Amino acid sequence: CPDGNIVTSEKAIPRIKLYSPAGDFIGVVAPPESFVSGQSPCDVAAGGNGRIYAMDPATGNIRVFVEKKKVP
């Protein structure tokens, strides 16, 4: 990511996570419920705009994930 964070796509459980440059867990970008059970892992990329792009092999679509704004 532009800020140095690392995006991962897991094999065993389909989900996408975000880690700090030091390897500390930040959060889940897309939980398993976002994907078809048992599907192949997604290819992921981070855009300069902070968005995360994932190729969803179950649908053949490119999915775009953006950070939700926190409400004070």
PDB file of N, CA and C in Angstrom:
ATOM      1  N   CYS A   1       0.845  -1.183   0.000  1.00  0.00           N
ATOM      2  CA  CYS A   1       0.000   0.000   0.000  1.00  0.00           C
ATOM      3  C   CYS A   1       0.890   1.246   0.000  1.00  0.00           C
ATOM      4  N   PRO A   2       0.363   2.379  -0.413  1.00  0.00           N
ATOM      5  CA  PRO A   2       1.146   3.612  -0.428  1.00  0.00           C
ATOM      6  C   PRO A   2       1.733   3.980   0.936  1.00  0.00           C
ATOM      7  N   ASP A   3       1.032   3.592   2.019  1.00  0.00           N
ATOM      8  CA  ASP A   3       1.511   3.909   3.359  1.00  0.00           C
ATOM      9  C   ASP A   3       2.451   2.845   3.924  1.00  0.00           C
ATOM     10  N   GLY A   4       2.785   1.834   3.117  1.00  0.00           N
ATOM     11  CA  GLY A   4       3.701   0.784   3.545  1.00  0.00           C
ATOM     12  C   GLY A   4       3.023  -0.443   4.115  1.00  0.00           C
ATOM     13  N   ASN A   5       1.705  -0.401   4.313  1.00  0.00           N
ATOM     14  CA  ASN A   5       0.988  -1.567   4.814  1.00  0.00           C
ATOM     15  C   ASN A   5       1.018  -2.686   3.779  1.00  0.00           C
ATOM     16  N   ILE A   6       0.787  -3.922   4.254  1.00  0.00           N
ATOM     17  CA  ILE A   6       0.861  -5.104   3.407  1.00  0.00           C
ATOM     18  C   ILE A   6      -0.508  -5.778   3.368  1.00  0.00           C
ATOM     19  N   VAL A   7      -0.957  -6.124   2.162  1.00  0.00           N
ATOM     20  CA  VAL A   7      -2.231  -6.804   1.968  1.00  0.00           C
ATOM     21  C   VAL A   7      -1.949  -8.276   1.685  1.00  0.00           C
ATOM     22  N   THR A   8      -2.711  -9.172   2.338  1.00  0.00           N
ATOM     23  CA  THR A   8      -2.539 -10.605   2.100  1.00  0.00           C
ATOM     24  C   THR A   8      -3.862 -11.246   1.709  1.00  0.00           C
ATOM     25  N   SER A   9      -3.771 -12.295   0.912  1.00  0.00           N
ATOM     26  CA  SER A   9      -4.923 -13.118   0.554  1.00  0.00           C
ATOM     27  C   SER A   9      -4.577 -14.539   0.980  1.00  0.00           C
ATOM     28  N   GLU A  10      -5.406 -15.128   1.823  1.00  0.00           N
ATOM     29  CA  GLU A  10      -5.096 -16.437   2.390  1.00  0.00           C
ATOM     30  C   GLU A  10      -5.589 -17.579   1.510  1.00  0.00           C
ATOM     31  N   LYS A  11      -4.903 -18.725   1.628  1.00  0.00           N
ATOM     32  CA  LYS A  11      -5.246 -19.905   0.837  1.00  0.00           C
ATOM     33  C   LYS A  11      -6.341 -20.742   1.491  1.00  0.00           C
ATOM     34  N   ALA A  12      -6.132 -21.137   2.749  1.00  0.00           N
ATOM     35  CA  ALA A  12      -7.033 -22.082   3.407  1.00  0.00           C
ATOM     36  C   ALA A  12      -8.422 -21.508   3.629  1.00  0.00           C
ATOM     37  N   ILE A  13      -8.490 -20.291   4.140  1.00  0.00           N
ATOM     38  CA  ILE A  13      -9.759 -19.623   4.386  1.00  0.00           C
ATOM     39  C   ILE A  13      -9.777 -18.394   3.484  1.00  0.00           C
ATOM     40  N   PRO A  14     -10.738 -18.285   2.584  1.00  0.00           N
ATOM     41  CA  PRO A  14     -10.731 -17.117   1.699  1.00  0.00           C
ATOM     42  C   PRO A  14     -11.030 -15.831   2.467  1.00  0.00           C
ATOM     43  N   ARG A  15     -10.023 -15.010   2.617  1.00  0.00           N
ATOM     44  CA  ARG A  15     -10.186 -13.703   3.252  1.00  0.00           C
ATOM     45  C   ARG A  15      -8.970 -12.853   2.899  1.00  0.00           C
ATOM     46  N   ILE A  16      -9.124 -11.545   3.069  1.00  0.00           N
ATOM     47  CA  ILE A  16      -8.053 -10.600   2.781  1.00  0.00           C
ATOM     48  C   ILE A  16      -7.786  -9.816   4.056  1.00  0.00           C
ATOM     49  N   LYS A  17      -6.496  -9.718   4.426  1.00  0.00           N
ATOM     50  CA  LYS A  17      -6.107  -9.032   5.664  1.00  0.00           C
ATOM     51  C   LYS A  17      -5.110  -7.925   5.369  1.00  0.00           C
ATOM     52  N   LEU A  18      -4.949  -7.045   6.356  1.00  0.00           N
ATOM     53  CA  LEU A  18      -4.026  -5.922   6.246  1.00  0.00           C
ATOM     54  C   LEU A  18      -3.066  -5.948   7.434  1.00  0.00           C
ATOM     55  N   TYR A  19      -1.758  -5.770   7.138  1.00  0.00           N
ATOM     56  CA  TYR A  19      -0.705  -5.758   8.158  1.00  0.00           C
ATOM     57  C   TYR A  19       0.126  -4.485   8.029  1.00  0.00           C
ATOM     58  N   SER A  20       0.725  -4.078   9.134  1.00  0.00           N
ATOM     59  CA  SER A  20       1.619  -2.917   9.130  1.00  0.00           C
ATOM     60  C   SER A  20       2.941  -3.310   8.480  1.00  0.00           C
ATOM     61  N   PRO A  21       3.782  -2.333   8.139  1.00  0.00           N
ATOM     62  CA  PRO A  21       5.103  -2.662   7.583  1.00  0.00           C
ATOM     63  C   PRO A  21       5.942  -3.531   8.530  1.00  0.00           C
ATOM     64  N   ALA A  22       5.676  -3.446   9.832  1.00  0.00           N
ATOM     65  CA  ALA A  22       6.403  -4.251  10.819  1.00  0.00           C
ATOM     66  C   ALA A  22       5.813  -5.649  10.966  1.00  0.00           C
ATOM     67  N   GLY A  23       4.684  -5.912  10.289  1.00  0.00           N
ATOM     68  CA  GLY A  23       4.044  -7.223  10.360  1.00  0.00           C
ATOM     69  C   GLY A  23       2.949  -7.345  11.387  1.00  0.00           C
ATOM     70  N   ASP A  24       2.558  -6.236  12.009  1.00  0.00           N
ATOM     71  CA  ASP A  24       1.477  -6.268  12.996  1.00  0.00           C
ATOM     72  C   ASP A  24       0.122  -6.288  12.287  1.00  0.00           C
ATOM     73  N   PHE A  25      -0.778  -7.116  12.784  1.00  0.00           N
ATOM     74  CA  PHE A  25      -2.119  -7.229  12.217  1.00  0.00           C
ATOM     75  C   PHE A  25      -2.884  -5.934  12.420  1.00  0.00           C
ATOM     76  N   ILE A  26      -3.456  -5.396  11.340  1.00  0.00           N
ATOM     77  CA  ILE A  26      -4.267  -4.178  11.417  1.00  0.00           C
ATOM     78  C   ILE A  26      -5.746  -4.534  11.388  1.00  0.00           C
ATOM     79  N   GLY A  27      -6.145  -5.398  10.456  1.00  0.00           N
ATOM     80  CA  GLY A  27      -7.547  -5.768  10.380  1.00  0.00           C
ATOM     81  C   GLY A  27      -7.872  -6.600   9.156  1.00  0.00           C
ATOM     82  N   VAL A  28      -9.118  -7.036   9.105  1.00  0.00           N
ATOM     83  CA  VAL A  28      -9.616  -7.834   7.983  1.00  0.00           C
ATOM     84  C   VAL A  28     -10.225  -6.889   6.964  1.00  0.00           C
ATOM     85  N   VAL A  29      -9.789  -7.001   5.730  1.00  0.00           N
ATOM     86  CA  VAL A  29     -10.337  -6.207   4.633  1.00  0.00           C
ATOM     87  C   VAL A  29     -11.622  -6.863   4.127  1.00  0.00           C
ATOM     88  N   ALA A  30     -11.590  -8.176   3.956  1.00  0.00           N
ATOM     89  CA  ALA A  30     -12.758  -8.929   3.483  1.00  0.00           C
ATOM     90  C   ALA A  30     -12.804 -10.263   4.223  1.00  0.00           C
ATOM     91  N   PRO A  31     -13.856 -10.510   5.010  1.00  0.00           N
ATOM     92  CA  PRO A  31     -13.957 -11.758   5.772  1.00  0.00           C
ATOM     93  C   PRO A  31     -14.378 -12.923   4.873  1.00  0.00           C
ATOM     94  N   PRO A  32     -14.293 -14.157   5.381  1.00  0.00           N
ATOM     95  CA  PRO A  32     -14.677 -15.328   4.588  1.00  0.00           C
ATOM     96  C   PRO A  32     -16.096 -15.256   4.029  1.00  0.00           C
ATOM     97  N   GLU A  33     -16.993 -14.573   4.748  1.00  0.00           N
ATOM     98  CA  GLU A  33     -18.385 -14.469   4.295  1.00  0.00           C
ATOM     99  C   GLU A  33     -18.499 -13.674   2.992  1.00  0.00           C
ATOM    100  N   SER A  34     -17.447 -12.962   2.634  1.00  0.00           N
ATOM    101  CA  SER A  34     -17.449 -12.175   1.396  1.00  0.00           C
ATOM    102  C   SER A  34     -17.187 -13.027   0.158  1.00  0.00           C
ATOM    103  N   PHE A  35     -16.841 -14.287   0.367  1.00  0.00           N
ATOM    104  CA  PHE A  35     -16.437 -15.150  -0.745  1.00  0.00           C
ATOM    105  C   PHE A  35     -17.227 -16.448  -0.764  1.00  0.00           C
ATOM    106  N   VAL A  36     -17.153 -17.153  -1.880  1.00  0.00           N
ATOM    107  CA  VAL A  36     -17.772 -18.459  -2.018  1.00  0.00           C
ATOM    108  C   VAL A  36     -16.936 -19.457  -1.226  1.00  0.00           C
ATOM    109  N   SER A  37     -17.575 -20.309  -0.451  1.00  0.00           N
ATOM    110  CA  SER A  37     -16.866 -21.291   0.359  1.00  0.00           C
ATOM    111  C   SER A  37     -16.000 -22.196  -0.511  1.00  0.00           C
ATOM    112  N   GLY A  38     -14.747 -22.378  -0.119  1.00  0.00           N
ATOM    113  CA  GLY A  38     -13.844 -23.282  -0.817  1.00  0.00           C
ATOM    114  C   GLY A  38     -13.226 -22.736  -2.084  1.00  0.00           C
ATOM    115  N   GLN A  39     -13.423 -21.470  -2.383  1.00  0.00           N
ATOM    116  CA  GLN A  39     -12.868 -20.917  -3.617  1.00  0.00           C
ATOM    117  C   GLN A  39     -11.359 -20.740  -3.519  1.00  0.00           C
ATOM    118  N   SER A  40     -10.720 -20.578  -4.650  1.00  0.00           N
ATOM    119  CA  SER A  40      -9.277 -20.332  -4.708  1.00  0.00           C
ATOM    120  C   SER A  40      -8.975 -18.958  -4.128  1.00  0.00           C
ATOM    121  N   PRO A  41      -7.713 -18.752  -3.679  1.00  0.00           N
ATOM    122  CA  PRO A  41      -7.361 -17.435  -3.152  1.00  0.00           C
ATOM    123  C   PRO A  41      -7.416 -16.355  -4.230  1.00  0.00           C
ATOM    124  N   CYS A  42      -7.628 -15.132  -3.795  1.00  0.00           N
ATOM    125  CA  CYS A  42      -7.688 -13.986  -4.703  1.00  0.00           C
ATOM    126  C   CYS A  42      -6.290 -13.427  -4.941  1.00  0.00           C
ATOM    127  N   ASP A  43      -6.052 -12.944  -6.140  1.00  0.00           N
ATOM    128  CA  ASP A  43      -4.881 -12.114  -6.391  1.00  0.00           C
ATOM    129  C   ASP A  43      -5.255 -10.720  -5.920  1.00  0.00           C
ATOM    130  N   VAL A  44      -4.349 -10.067  -5.193  1.00  0.00           N
ATOM    131  CA  VAL A  44      -4.652  -8.736  -4.658  1.00  0.00           C
ATOM    132  C   VAL A  44      -3.596  -7.719  -5.073  1.00  0.00           C
ATOM    133  N   ALA A  45      -4.018  -6.467  -5.122  1.00  0.00           N
ATOM    134  CA  ALA A  45      -3.120  -5.347  -5.415  1.00  0.00           C
ATOM    135  C   ALA A  45      -3.643  -4.128  -4.672  1.00  0.00           C
ATOM    136  N   ALA A  46      -2.716  -3.241  -4.325  1.00  0.00           N
ATOM    137  CA  ALA A  46      -3.092  -2.004  -3.648  1.00  0.00           C
ATOM    138  C   ALA A  46      -2.856  -0.840  -4.597  1.00  0.00           C
ATOM    139  N   GLY A  47      -3.842   0.038  -4.700  1.00  0.00           N
ATOM    140  CA  GLY A  47      -3.726   1.206  -5.556  1.00  0.00           C
ATOM    141  C   GLY A  47      -3.144   2.391  -4.800  1.00  0.00           C
ATOM    142  N   GLY A  48      -2.637   3.352  -5.528  1.00  0.00           N
ATOM    143  CA  GLY A  48      -2.079   4.558  -4.932  1.00  0.00           C
ATOM    144  C   GLY A  48      -3.099   5.380  -4.188  1.00  0.00           C
ATOM    145  N   ASN A  49      -4.377   5.089  -4.427  1.00  0.00           N
ATOM    146  CA  ASN A  49      -5.459   5.825  -3.784  1.00  0.00           C
ATOM    147  C   ASN A  49      -5.922   5.180  -2.478  1.00  0.00           C
ATOM    148  N   GLY A  50      -5.217   4.118  -2.032  1.00  0.00           N
ATOM    149  CA  GLY A  50      -5.580   3.433  -0.799  1.00  0.00           C
ATOM    150  C   GLY A  50      -6.604   2.336  -0.980  1.00  0.00           C
ATOM    151  N   ARG A  51      -7.101   2.152  -2.183  1.00  0.00           N
ATOM    152  CA  ARG A  51      -8.058   1.078  -2.443  1.00  0.00           C
ATOM    153  C   ARG A  51      -7.319  -0.244  -2.619  1.00  0.00           C
ATOM    154  N   ILE A  52      -8.018  -1.335  -2.299  1.00  0.00           N
ATOM    155  CA  ILE A  52      -7.465  -2.667  -2.480  1.00  0.00           C
ATOM    156  C   ILE A  52      -8.301  -3.365  -3.544  1.00  0.00           C
ATOM    157  N   TYR A  53      -7.616  -3.921  -4.519  1.00  0.00           N
ATOM    158  CA  TYR A  53      -8.260  -4.598  -5.644  1.00  0.00           C
ATOM    159  C   TYR A  53      -8.016  -6.100  -5.519  1.00  0.00           C
ATOM    160  N   ALA A  54      -9.063  -6.893  -5.722  1.00  0.00           N
ATOM    161  CA  ALA A  54      -8.945  -8.341  -5.627  1.00  0.00           C
ATOM    162  C   ALA A  54      -9.626  -8.992  -6.828  1.00  0.00           C
ATOM    163  N   MET A  55      -8.925  -9.905  -7.464  1.00  0.00           N
ATOM    164  CA  MET A  55      -9.509 -10.697  -8.546  1.00  0.00           C
ATOM    165  C   MET A  55     -10.237 -11.861  -7.887  1.00  0.00           C
ATOM    166  N   ASP A  56     -11.542 -11.895  -8.033  1.00  0.00           N
ATOM    167  CA  ASP A  56     -12.360 -12.929  -7.411  1.00  0.00           C
ATOM    168  C   ASP A  56     -12.500 -14.083  -8.403  1.00  0.00           C
ATOM    169  N   PRO A  57     -11.786 -15.206  -8.176  1.00  0.00           N
ATOM    170  CA  PRO A  57     -11.824 -16.306  -9.138  1.00  0.00           C
ATOM    171  C   PRO A  57     -13.178 -17.003  -9.234  1.00  0.00           C
ATOM    172  N   ALA A  58     -14.015 -16.869  -8.215  1.00  0.00           N
ATOM    173  CA  ALA A  58     -15.331 -17.511  -8.254  1.00  0.00           C
ATOM    174  C   ALA A  58     -16.278 -16.805  -9.222  1.00  0.00           C
ATOM    175  N   THR A  59     -16.106 -15.484  -9.366  1.00  0.00           N
ATOM    176  CA  THR A  59     -17.013 -14.720 -10.235  1.00  0.00           C
ATOM    177  C   THR A  59     -16.328 -14.163 -11.473  1.00  0.00           C
ATOM    178  N   GLY A  60     -14.975 -14.108 -11.431  1.00  0.00           N
ATOM    179  CA  GLY A  60     -14.243 -13.512 -12.546  1.00  0.00           C
ATOM    180  C   GLY A  60     -14.254 -11.995 -12.512  1.00  0.00           C
ATOM    181  N   ASN A  61     -14.714 -11.427 -11.414  1.00  0.00           N
ATOM    182  CA  ASN A  61     -14.788  -9.971 -11.268  1.00  0.00           C
ATOM    183  C   ASN A  61     -13.607  -9.423 -10.483  1.00  0.00           C
ATOM    184  N   ILE A  62     -13.303  -8.165 -10.715  1.00  0.00           N
ATOM    185  CA  ILE A  62     -12.343  -7.458  -9.882  1.00  0.00           C
ATOM    186  C   ILE A  62     -13.150  -6.718  -8.833  1.00  0.00           C
ATOM    187  N   ARG A  63     -12.860  -7.008  -7.576  1.00  0.00           N
ATOM    188  CA  ARG A  63     -13.579  -6.375  -6.470  1.00  0.00           C
ATOM    189  C   ARG A  63     -12.716  -5.267  -5.897  1.00  0.00           C
ATOM    190  N   VAL A  64     -13.354  -4.167  -5.511  1.00  0.00           N
ATOM    191  CA  VAL A  64     -12.644  -3.004  -4.974  1.00  0.00           C
ATOM    192  C   VAL A  64     -13.081  -2.807  -3.529  1.00  0.00           C
ATOM    193  N   PHE A  65     -12.086  -2.717  -2.638  1.00  0.00           N
ATOM    194  CA  PHE A  65     -12.357  -2.509  -1.212  1.00  0.00           C
ATOM    195  C   PHE A  65     -11.790  -1.151  -0.797  1.00  0.00           C
ATOM    196  N   VAL A  66     -12.588  -0.383  -0.071  1.00  0.00           N
ATOM    197  CA  VAL A  66     -12.149   0.918   0.435  1.00  0.00           C
ATOM    198  C   VAL A  66     -12.384   0.926   1.949  1.00  0.00           C
ATOM    199  N   GLU A  67     -11.545   1.675   2.651  1.00  0.00           N
ATOM    200  CA  GLU A  67     -11.666   1.772   4.096  1.00  0.00           C
ATOM    201  C   GLU A  67     -12.930   2.516   4.476  1.00  0.00           C
ATOM    202  N   LYS A  68     -13.661   1.980   5.431  1.00  0.00           N
ATOM    203  CA  LYS A  68     -14.855   2.658   5.928  1.00  0.00           C
ATOM    204  C   LYS A  68     -14.413   3.805   6.817  1.00  0.00           C
ATOM    205  N   LYS A  69     -15.083   4.911   6.698  1.00  0.00           N
ATOM    206  CA  LYS A  69     -14.787   6.069   7.536  1.00  0.00           C
ATOM    207  C   LYS A  69     -15.296   5.816   8.952  1.00  0.00           C
ATOM    208  N   LYS A  70     -14.471   6.165   9.931  1.00  0.00           N
ATOM    209  CA  LYS A  70     -14.873   6.005  11.319  1.00  0.00           C
ATOM    210  C   LYS A  70     -15.741   7.188  11.740  1.00  0.00           C
ATOM    211  N   VAL A  71     -16.834   6.874  12.417  1.00  0.00           N
ATOM    212  CA  VAL A  71     -17.746   7.912  12.897  1.00  0.00           C
ATOM    213  C   VAL A  71     -17.343   8.240  14.331  1.00  0.00           C
ATOM    214  N   PRO A  72     -17.110   9.522  14.638  1.00  0.00           N
ATOM    215  CA  PRO A  72     -16.690   9.888  16.008  1.00  0.00           C
ATOM    216  C   PRO A  72     -17.765   9.625  17.042  1.00  0.00           C
TER     217      PRO A  72
END
